[in-house]
Amino acid sequence: MKLLILAAALSLTACTAVPLTVKFPDVPPSLMEACGDLEQQAPTDRLSDVLMVVVGNYSQYHECQLKVTDWQDWHRRQKEIFENIK
């Protein structure tokens, strides 16, 4: 009987709550990098060459800007939602 009481008392005192803190994952640094450099045009007399570089740079910049900005906005919103749940 004494052993049963000792076992019960020991089991009740041995159980302690362990606080768990969940941290929202950080963004990998590669995803937070800015867009790359745009292509430079060597001096030329042909306007078509200059125009091709300008069009390529314009497309590259806007595609990268949308991708990075949208991803960063999505991550920021998910982090806010995660922190508001606590």
PDB file of N, CA and C in Angstrom:
ATOM      1  N   MET A   1       0.831  -1.185   0.000  1.00  0.00           N
ATOM      2  CA  MET A   1       0.000   0.000   0.000  1.00  0.00           C
ATOM      3  C   MET A   1       0.882   1.257   0.000  1.00  0.00           C
ATOM      4  N   LYS A   2       1.918   1.240   0.837  1.00  0.00           N
ATOM      5  CA  LYS A   2       2.823   2.382   0.907  1.00  0.00           C
ATOM      6  C   LYS A   2       3.530   2.577  -0.439  1.00  0.00           C
ATOM      7  N   LEU A   3       3.851   1.464  -1.087  1.00  0.00           N
ATOM      8  CA  LEU A   3       4.512   1.535  -2.386  1.00  0.00           C
ATOM      9  C   LEU A   3       3.586   2.140  -3.444  1.00  0.00           C
ATOM     10  N   LEU A   4       2.315   1.801  -3.383  1.00  0.00           N
ATOM     11  CA  LEU A   4       1.332   2.347  -4.320  1.00  0.00           C
ATOM     12  C   LEU A   4       1.165   3.851  -4.114  1.00  0.00           C
ATOM     13  N   ILE A   5       1.114   4.290  -2.868  1.00  0.00           N
ATOM     14  CA  ILE A   5       0.982   5.724  -2.583  1.00  0.00           C
ATOM     15  C   ILE A   5       2.240   6.472  -3.039  1.00  0.00           C
ATOM     16  N   LEU A   6       3.406   5.870  -2.792  1.00  0.00           N
ATOM     17  CA  LEU A   6       4.660   6.487  -3.220  1.00  0.00           C
ATOM     18  C   LEU A   6       4.736   6.587  -4.739  1.00  0.00           C
ATOM     19  N   ALA A   7       4.308   5.541  -5.432  1.00  0.00           N
ATOM     20  CA  ALA A   7       4.324   5.546  -6.893  1.00  0.00           C
ATOM     21  C   ALA A   7       3.363   6.595  -7.440  1.00  0.00           C
ATOM     22  N   ALA A   8       2.194   6.702  -6.848  1.00  0.00           N
ATOM     23  CA  ALA A   8       1.212   7.699  -7.291  1.00  0.00           C
ATOM     24  C   ALA A   8       1.729   9.112  -7.044  1.00  0.00           C
ATOM     25  N   ALA A   9       2.309   9.344  -5.882  1.00  0.00           N
ATOM     26  CA  ALA A   9       2.838  10.673  -5.567  1.00  0.00           C
ATOM     27  C   ALA A   9       3.995  11.030  -6.481  1.00  0.00           C
ATOM     28  N   LEU A  10       4.852  10.058  -6.746  1.00  0.00           N
ATOM     29  CA  LEU A  10       5.991  10.294  -7.626  1.00  0.00           C
ATOM     30  C   LEU A  10       5.549  10.569  -9.055  1.00  0.00           C
ATOM     31  N   SER A  11       4.561   9.847  -9.539  1.00  0.00           N
ATOM     32  CA  SER A  11       4.103  10.059 -10.909  1.00  0.00           C
ATOM     33  C   SER A  11       3.411  11.406 -11.077  1.00  0.00           C
ATOM     34  N   LEU A  12       2.723  11.867 -10.041  1.00  0.00           N
ATOM     35  CA  LEU A  12       2.053  13.163 -10.129  1.00  0.00           C
ATOM     36  C   LEU A  12       3.046  14.321 -10.053  1.00  0.00           C
ATOM     37  N   THR A  13       4.091  14.172  -9.298  1.00  0.00           N
ATOM     38  CA  THR A  13       5.053  15.265  -9.184  1.00  0.00           C
ATOM     39  C   THR A  13       6.055  15.267 -10.315  1.00  0.00           C
ATOM     40  N   ALA A  14       6.213  14.145 -10.984  1.00  0.00           N
ATOM     41  CA  ALA A  14       7.178  14.062 -12.076  1.00  0.00           C
ATOM     42  C   ALA A  14       6.645  14.703 -13.354  1.00  0.00           C
ATOM     43  N   CYS A  15       5.364  14.857 -13.456  1.00  0.00           N
ATOM     44  CA  CYS A  15       4.768  15.435 -14.669  1.00  0.00           C
ATOM     45  C   CYS A  15       4.753  16.952 -14.539  1.00  0.00           C
ATOM     46  N   THR A  16       5.555  17.593 -15.327  1.00  0.00           N
ATOM     47  CA  THR A  16       5.561  19.049 -15.356  1.00  0.00           C
ATOM     48  C   THR A  16       5.330  19.497 -16.792  1.00  0.00           C
ATOM     49  N   ALA A  17       4.681  20.592 -16.923  1.00  0.00           N
ATOM     50  CA  ALA A  17       4.400  21.128 -18.252  1.00  0.00           C
ATOM     51  C   ALA A  17       5.666  21.768 -18.817  1.00  0.00           C
ATOM     52  N   VAL A  18       5.979  21.408 -20.019  1.00  0.00           N
ATOM     53  CA  VAL A  18       7.132  21.975 -20.705  1.00  0.00           C
ATOM     54  C   VAL A  18       6.609  23.000 -21.711  1.00  0.00           C
ATOM     55  N   PRO A  19       6.940  24.252 -21.521  1.00  0.00           N
ATOM     56  CA  PRO A  19       6.443  25.254 -22.478  1.00  0.00           C
ATOM     57  C   PRO A  19       7.104  25.067 -23.844  1.00  0.00           C
ATOM     58  N   LEU A  20       6.285  25.061 -24.868  1.00  0.00           N
ATOM     59  CA  LEU A  20       6.783  24.932 -26.233  1.00  0.00           C
ATOM     60  C   LEU A  20       6.608  26.258 -26.938  1.00  0.00           C
ATOM     61  N   THR A  21       7.648  26.707 -27.540  1.00  0.00           N
ATOM     62  CA  THR A  21       7.557  27.923 -28.336  1.00  0.00           C
ATOM     63  C   THR A  21       7.854  27.558 -29.778  1.00  0.00           C
ATOM     64  N   VAL A  22       6.920  27.857 -30.617  1.00  0.00           N
ATOM     65  CA  VAL A  22       7.070  27.570 -32.034  1.00  0.00           C
ATOM     66  C   VAL A  22       7.459  28.867 -32.722  1.00  0.00           C
ATOM     67  N   LYS A  23       8.512  28.805 -33.493  1.00  0.00           N
ATOM     68  CA  LYS A  23       9.025  29.990 -34.180  1.00  0.00           C
ATOM     69  C   LYS A  23       8.725  29.859 -35.665  1.00  0.00           C
ATOM     70  N   PHE A  24       8.247  30.933 -36.254  1.00  0.00           N
ATOM     71  CA  PHE A  24       7.978  30.935 -37.683  1.00  0.00           C
ATOM     72  C   PHE A  24       9.307  30.826 -38.418  1.00  0.00           C
ATOM     73  N   PRO A  25       9.387  29.957 -39.419  1.00  0.00           N
ATOM     74  CA  PRO A  25      10.668  29.771 -40.111  1.00  0.00           C
ATOM     75  C   PRO A  25      11.143  31.053 -40.804  1.00  0.00           C
ATOM     76  N   ASP A  26      12.434  31.251 -40.737  1.00  0.00           N
ATOM     77  CA  ASP A  26      13.034  32.404 -41.413  1.00  0.00           C
ATOM     78  C   ASP A  26      13.115  32.140 -42.909  1.00  0.00           C
ATOM     79  N   VAL A  27      13.236  33.206 -43.639  1.00  0.00           N
ATOM     80  CA  VAL A  27      13.341  33.123 -45.097  1.00  0.00           C
ATOM     81  C   VAL A  27      14.777  32.765 -45.463  1.00  0.00           C
ATOM     82  N   PRO A  28      14.943  31.818 -46.373  1.00  0.00           N
ATOM     83  CA  PRO A  28      16.306  31.555 -46.848  1.00  0.00           C
ATOM     84  C   PRO A  28      16.869  32.813 -47.510  1.00  0.00           C
ATOM     85  N   PRO A  29      18.124  33.121 -47.264  1.00  0.00           N
ATOM     86  CA  PRO A  29      18.709  34.346 -47.822  1.00  0.00           C
ATOM     87  C   PRO A  29      18.619  34.420 -49.347  1.00  0.00           C
ATOM     88  N   SER A  30      18.654  33.284 -50.014  1.00  0.00           N
ATOM     89  CA  SER A  30      18.599  33.304 -51.482  1.00  0.00           C
ATOM     90  C   SER A  30      17.269  33.850 -51.994  1.00  0.00           C
ATOM     91  N   LEU A  31      16.199  33.710 -51.201  1.00  0.00           N
ATOM     92  CA  LEU A  31      14.897  34.214 -51.632  1.00  0.00           C
ATOM     93  C   LEU A  31      14.702  35.687 -51.325  1.00  0.00           C
ATOM     94  N   MET A  32      15.564  36.258 -50.522  1.00  0.00           N
ATOM     95  CA  MET A  32      15.435  37.670 -50.191  1.00  0.00           C
ATOM     96  C   MET A  32      16.400  38.545 -50.983  1.00  0.00           C
ATOM     97  N   GLU A  33      17.103  37.951 -51.937  1.00  0.00           N
ATOM     98  CA  GLU A  33      18.040  38.720 -52.753  1.00  0.00           C
ATOM     99  C   GLU A  33      17.285  39.576 -53.755  1.00  0.00           C
ATOM    100  N   ALA A  34      17.889  40.678 -54.083  1.00  0.00           N
ATOM    101  CA  ALA A  34      17.313  41.567 -55.089  1.00  0.00           C
ATOM    102  C   ALA A  34      17.548  40.978 -56.480  1.00  0.00           C
ATOM    103  N   CYS A  35      16.921  41.555 -57.450  1.00  0.00           N
ATOM    104  CA  CYS A  35      17.082  41.103 -58.835  1.00  0.00           C
ATOM    105  C   CYS A  35      18.498  41.370 -59.333  1.00  0.00           C
ATOM    106  N   GLY A  36      18.906  40.575 -60.295  1.00  0.00           N
ATOM    107  CA  GLY A  36      20.260  40.693 -60.844  1.00  0.00           C
ATOM    108  C   GLY A  36      20.441  41.951 -61.682  1.00  0.00           C
ATOM    109  N   ASP A  37      21.678  42.168 -62.076  1.00  0.00           N
ATOM    110  CA  ASP A  37      22.002  43.334 -62.896  1.00  0.00           C
ATOM    111  C   ASP A  37      21.443  43.173 -64.307  1.00  0.00           C
ATOM    112  N   LEU A  38      21.135  44.275 -64.891  1.00  0.00           N
ATOM    113  CA  LEU A  38      20.619  44.274 -66.258  1.00  0.00           C
ATOM    114  C   LEU A  38      21.772  44.281 -67.255  1.00  0.00           C
ATOM    115  N   GLU A  39      21.475  43.872 -68.461  1.00  0.00           N
ATOM    116  CA  GLU A  39      22.486  43.782 -69.519  1.00  0.00           C
ATOM    117  C   GLU A  39      22.909  45.181 -69.971  1.00  0.00           C
ATOM    118  N   GLN A  40      24.184  45.347 -70.204  1.00  0.00           N
ATOM    119  CA  GLN A  40      24.712  46.620 -70.700  1.00  0.00           C
ATOM    120  C   GLN A  40      24.899  46.532 -72.220  1.00  0.00           C
ATOM    121  N   GLN A  41      24.618  47.613 -72.896  1.00  0.00           N
ATOM    122  CA  GLN A  41      24.772  47.654 -74.354  1.00  0.00           C
ATOM    123  C   GLN A  41      26.097  48.315 -74.704  1.00  0.00           C
ATOM    124  N   ALA A  42      26.852  47.613 -75.508  1.00  0.00           N
ATOM    125  CA  ALA A  42      28.104  48.199 -76.001  1.00  0.00           C
ATOM    126  C   ALA A  42      27.765  49.306 -76.996  1.00  0.00           C
ATOM    127  N   PRO A  43      28.618  50.299 -77.126  1.00  0.00           N
ATOM    128  CA  PRO A  43      28.352  51.374 -78.092  1.00  0.00           C
ATOM    129  C   PRO A  43      28.159  50.799 -79.505  1.00  0.00           C
ATOM    130  N   THR A  44      27.105  51.256 -80.152  1.00  0.00           N
ATOM    131  CA  THR A  44      26.800  50.781 -81.499  1.00  0.00           C
ATOM    132  C   THR A  44      26.038  51.848 -82.257  1.00  0.00           C
ATOM    133  N   ASP A  45      26.041  51.723 -83.578  1.00  0.00           N
ATOM    134  CA  ASP A  45      25.301  52.650 -84.429  1.00  0.00           C
ATOM    135  C   ASP A  45      23.913  52.119 -84.762  1.00  0.00           C
ATOM    136  N   ARG A  46      23.659  50.875 -84.412  1.00  0.00           N
ATOM    137  CA  ARG A  46      22.383  50.248 -84.780  1.00  0.00           C
ATOM    138  C   ARG A  46      21.368  50.418 -83.650  1.00  0.00           C
ATOM    139  N   LEU A  47      20.293  51.072 -83.966  1.00  0.00           N
ATOM    140  CA  LEU A  47      19.229  51.282 -82.992  1.00  0.00           C
ATOM    141  C   LEU A  47      18.533  49.969 -82.643  1.00  0.00           C
ATOM    142  N   SER A  48      18.475  49.037 -83.576  1.00  0.00           N
ATOM    143  CA  SER A  48      17.819  47.762 -83.317  1.00  0.00           C
ATOM    144  C   SER A  48      18.543  46.978 -82.225  1.00  0.00           C
ATOM    145  N   ASP A  49      19.877  47.056 -82.169  1.00  0.00           N
ATOM    146  CA  ASP A  49      20.627  46.378 -81.114  1.00  0.00           C
ATOM    147  C   ASP A  49      20.313  46.987 -79.751  1.00  0.00           C
ATOM    148  N   VAL A  50      20.266  48.303 -79.713  1.00  0.00           N
ATOM    149  CA  VAL A  50      19.943  48.994 -78.468  1.00  0.00           C
ATOM    150  C   VAL A  50      18.530  48.649 -78.024  1.00  0.00           C
ATOM    151  N   LEU A  51      17.606  48.637 -78.964  1.00  0.00           N
ATOM    152  CA  LEU A  51      16.214  48.334 -78.651  1.00  0.00           C
ATOM    153  C   LEU A  51      16.060  46.914 -78.110  1.00  0.00           C
ATOM    154  N   MET A  52      16.793  45.942 -78.664  1.00  0.00           N
ATOM    155  CA  MET A  52      16.715  44.562 -78.189  1.00  0.00           C
ATOM    156  C   MET A  52      17.196  44.461 -76.738  1.00  0.00           C
ATOM    157  N   VAL A  53      18.254  45.166 -76.383  1.00  0.00           N
ATOM    158  CA  VAL A  53      18.762  45.148 -75.014  1.00  0.00           C
ATOM    159  C   VAL A  53      17.759  45.818 -74.071  1.00  0.00           C
ATOM    160  N   VAL A  54      17.184  46.930 -74.506  1.00  0.00           N
ATOM    161  CA  VAL A  54      16.212  47.647 -73.673  1.00  0.00           C
ATOM    162  C   VAL A  54      14.989  46.771 -73.414  1.00  0.00           C
ATOM    163  N   VAL A  55      14.477  46.128 -74.436  1.00  0.00           N
ATOM    164  CA  VAL A  55      13.297  45.268 -74.279  1.00  0.00           C
ATOM    165  C   VAL A  55      13.620  44.078 -73.370  1.00  0.00           C
ATOM    166  N   GLY A  56      14.782  43.472 -73.556  1.00  0.00           N
ATOM    167  CA  GLY A  56      15.178  42.354 -72.703  1.00  0.00           C
ATOM    168  C   GLY A  56      15.330  42.764 -71.248  1.00  0.00           C
ATOM    169  N   ASN A  57      15.962  43.909 -71.015  1.00  0.00           N
ATOM    170  CA  ASN A  57      16.130  44.401 -69.649  1.00  0.00           C
ATOM    171  C   ASN A  57      14.794  44.742 -69.005  1.00  0.00           C
ATOM    172  N   TYR A  58      13.916  45.350 -69.767  1.00  0.00           N
ATOM    173  CA  TYR A  58      12.598  45.722 -69.264  1.00  0.00           C
ATOM    174  C   TYR A  58      11.842  44.476 -68.830  1.00  0.00           C
ATOM    175  N   SER A  59      11.855  43.465 -69.670  1.00  0.00           N
ATOM    176  CA  SER A  59      11.153  42.216 -69.347  1.00  0.00           C
ATOM    177  C   SER A  59      11.774  41.527 -68.134  1.00  0.00           C
ATOM    178  N   GLN A  60      13.085  41.440 -68.105  1.00  0.00           N
ATOM    179  CA  GLN A  60      13.788  40.776 -66.999  1.00  0.00           C
ATOM    180  C   GLN A  60      13.501  41.475 -65.677  1.00  0.00           C
ATOM    181  N   TYR A  61      13.569  42.778 -65.685  1.00  0.00           N
ATOM    182  CA  TYR A  61      13.356  43.528 -64.456  1.00  0.00           C
ATOM    183  C   TYR A  61      11.943  43.342 -63.921  1.00  0.00           C
ATOM    184  N   HIS A  62      10.945  43.507 -64.771  1.00  0.00           N
ATOM    185  CA  HIS A  62       9.563  43.430 -64.301  1.00  0.00           C
ATOM    186  C   HIS A  62       9.191  42.014 -63.871  1.00  0.00           C
ATOM    187  N   GLU A  63       9.703  41.014 -64.556  1.00  0.00           N
ATOM    188  CA  GLU A  63       9.439  39.631 -64.152  1.00  0.00           C
ATOM    189  C   GLU A  63      10.040  39.348 -62.779  1.00  0.00           C
ATOM    190  N   CYS A  64      11.265  39.764 -62.581  1.00  0.00           N
ATOM    191  CA  CYS A  64      11.937  39.550 -61.299  1.00  0.00           C
ATOM    192  C   CYS A  64      11.268  40.357 -60.191  1.00  0.00           C
ATOM    193  N   GLN A  65      10.913  41.582 -60.484  1.00  0.00           N
ATOM    194  CA  GLN A  65      10.274  42.429 -59.487  1.00  0.00           C
ATOM    195  C   GLN A  65       8.958  41.823 -59.018  1.00  0.00           C
ATOM    196  N   LEU A  66       8.139  41.352 -59.944  1.00  0.00           N
ATOM    197  CA  LEU A  66       6.863  40.749 -59.566  1.00  0.00           C
ATOM    198  C   LEU A  66       7.067  39.492 -58.732  1.00  0.00           C
ATOM    199  N   LYS A  67       7.993  38.651 -59.159  1.00  0.00           N
ATOM    200  CA  LYS A  67       8.238  37.400 -58.446  1.00  0.00           C
ATOM    201  C   LYS A  67       8.702  37.668 -57.019  1.00  0.00           C
ATOM    202  N   VAL A  68       9.680  38.529 -56.856  1.00  0.00           N
ATOM    203  CA  VAL A  68      10.241  38.795 -55.535  1.00  0.00           C
ATOM    204  C   VAL A  68       9.236  39.530 -54.658  1.00  0.00           C
ATOM    205  N   THR A  69       8.595  40.530 -55.182  1.00  0.00           N
ATOM    206  CA  THR A  69       7.638  41.308 -54.398  1.00  0.00           C
ATOM    207  C   THR A  69       6.458  40.450 -53.958  1.00  0.00           C
ATOM    208  N   ASP A  70       5.920  39.655 -54.868  1.00  0.00           N
ATOM    209  CA  ASP A  70       4.789  38.793 -54.514  1.00  0.00           C
ATOM    210  C   ASP A  70       5.180  37.770 -53.467  1.00  0.00           C
ATOM    211  N   TRP A  71       6.364  37.175 -53.600  1.00  0.00           N
ATOM    212  CA  TRP A  71       6.792  36.187 -52.624  1.00  0.00           C
ATOM    213  C   TRP A  71       6.996  36.814 -51.251  1.00  0.00           C
ATOM    214  N   GLN A  72       7.617  37.990 -51.219  1.00  0.00           N
ATOM    215  CA  GLN A  72       7.847  38.659 -49.944  1.00  0.00           C
ATOM    216  C   GLN A  72       6.530  39.057 -49.287  1.00  0.00           C
ATOM    217  N   ASP A  73       5.553  39.524 -50.072  1.00  0.00           N
ATOM    218  CA  ASP A  73       4.241  39.866 -49.515  1.00  0.00           C
ATOM    219  C   ASP A  73       3.549  38.624 -48.952  1.00  0.00           C
ATOM    220  N   TRP A  74       3.616  37.510 -49.697  1.00  0.00           N
ATOM    221  CA  TRP A  74       3.006  36.273 -49.230  1.00  0.00           C
ATOM    222  C   TRP A  74       3.641  35.832 -47.912  1.00  0.00           C
ATOM    223  N   HIS A  75       4.954  35.867 -47.833  1.00  0.00           N
ATOM    224  CA  HIS A  75       5.653  35.448 -46.614  1.00  0.00           C
ATOM    225  C   HIS A  75       5.293  36.350 -45.446  1.00  0.00           C
ATOM    226  N   ARG A  76       5.243  37.636 -45.663  1.00  0.00           N
ATOM    227  CA  ARG A  76       4.907  38.592 -44.608  1.00  0.00           C
ATOM    228  C   ARG A  76       3.495  38.339 -44.086  1.00  0.00           C
ATOM    229  N   ARG A  77       2.533  38.086 -45.005  1.00  0.00           N
ATOM    230  CA  ARG A  77       1.156  37.803 -44.577  1.00  0.00           C
ATOM    231  C   ARG A  77       1.074  36.497 -43.790  1.00  0.00           C
ATOM    232  N   GLN A  78       1.789  35.473 -44.242  1.00  0.00           N
ATOM    233  CA  GLN A  78       1.768  34.191 -43.532  1.00  0.00           C
ATOM    234  C   GLN A  78       2.360  34.334 -42.134  1.00  0.00           C
ATOM    235  N   LYS A  79       3.395  35.142 -42.002  1.00  0.00           N
ATOM    236  CA  LYS A  79       4.021  35.347 -40.700  1.00  0.00           C
ATOM    237  C   LYS A  79       3.067  36.087 -39.770  1.00  0.00           C
ATOM    238  N   GLU A  80       2.354  37.089 -40.290  1.00  0.00           N
ATOM    239  CA  GLU A  80       1.374  37.819 -39.472  1.00  0.00           C
ATOM    240  C   GLU A  80       0.262  36.891 -39.004  1.00  0.00           C
ATOM    241  N   ILE A  81      -0.228  36.043 -39.891  1.00  0.00           N
ATOM    242  CA  ILE A  81      -1.269  35.091 -39.522  1.00  0.00           C
ATOM    243  C   ILE A  81      -0.744  34.149 -38.440  1.00  0.00           C
ATOM    244  N   PHE A  82       0.455  33.646 -38.620  1.00  0.00           N
ATOM    245  CA  PHE A  82       1.055  32.733 -37.646  1.00  0.00           C
ATOM    246  C   PHE A  82       1.186  33.385 -36.275  1.00  0.00           C
ATOM    247  N   GLU A  83       1.639  34.632 -36.256  1.00  0.00           N
ATOM    248  CA  GLU A  83       1.832  35.318 -34.978  1.00  0.00           C
ATOM    249  C   GLU A  83       0.517  35.696 -34.325  1.00  0.00           C
ATOM    250  N   ASN A  84      -0.547  35.917 -35.081  1.00  0.00           N
ATOM    251  CA  ASN A  84      -1.850  36.252 -34.512  1.00  0.00           C
ATOM    252  C   ASN A  84      -2.567  35.037 -33.929  1.00  0.00           C
ATOM    253  N   ILE A  85      -2.172  33.858 -34.327  1.00  0.00           N
ATOM    254  CA  ILE A  85      -2.800  32.637 -33.809  1.00  0.00           C
ATOM    255  C   ILE A  85      -2.408  32.399 -32.360  1.00  0.00           C
ATOM    256  N   LYS A  86      -1.212  32.795 -31.975  1.00  0.00           N
ATOM    257  CA  LYS A  86      -0.705  32.527 -30.631  1.00  0.00           C
ATOM    258  C   LYS A  86      -1.594  33.072 -29.551  1.00  0.00           C
TER     259      LYS A  86
END
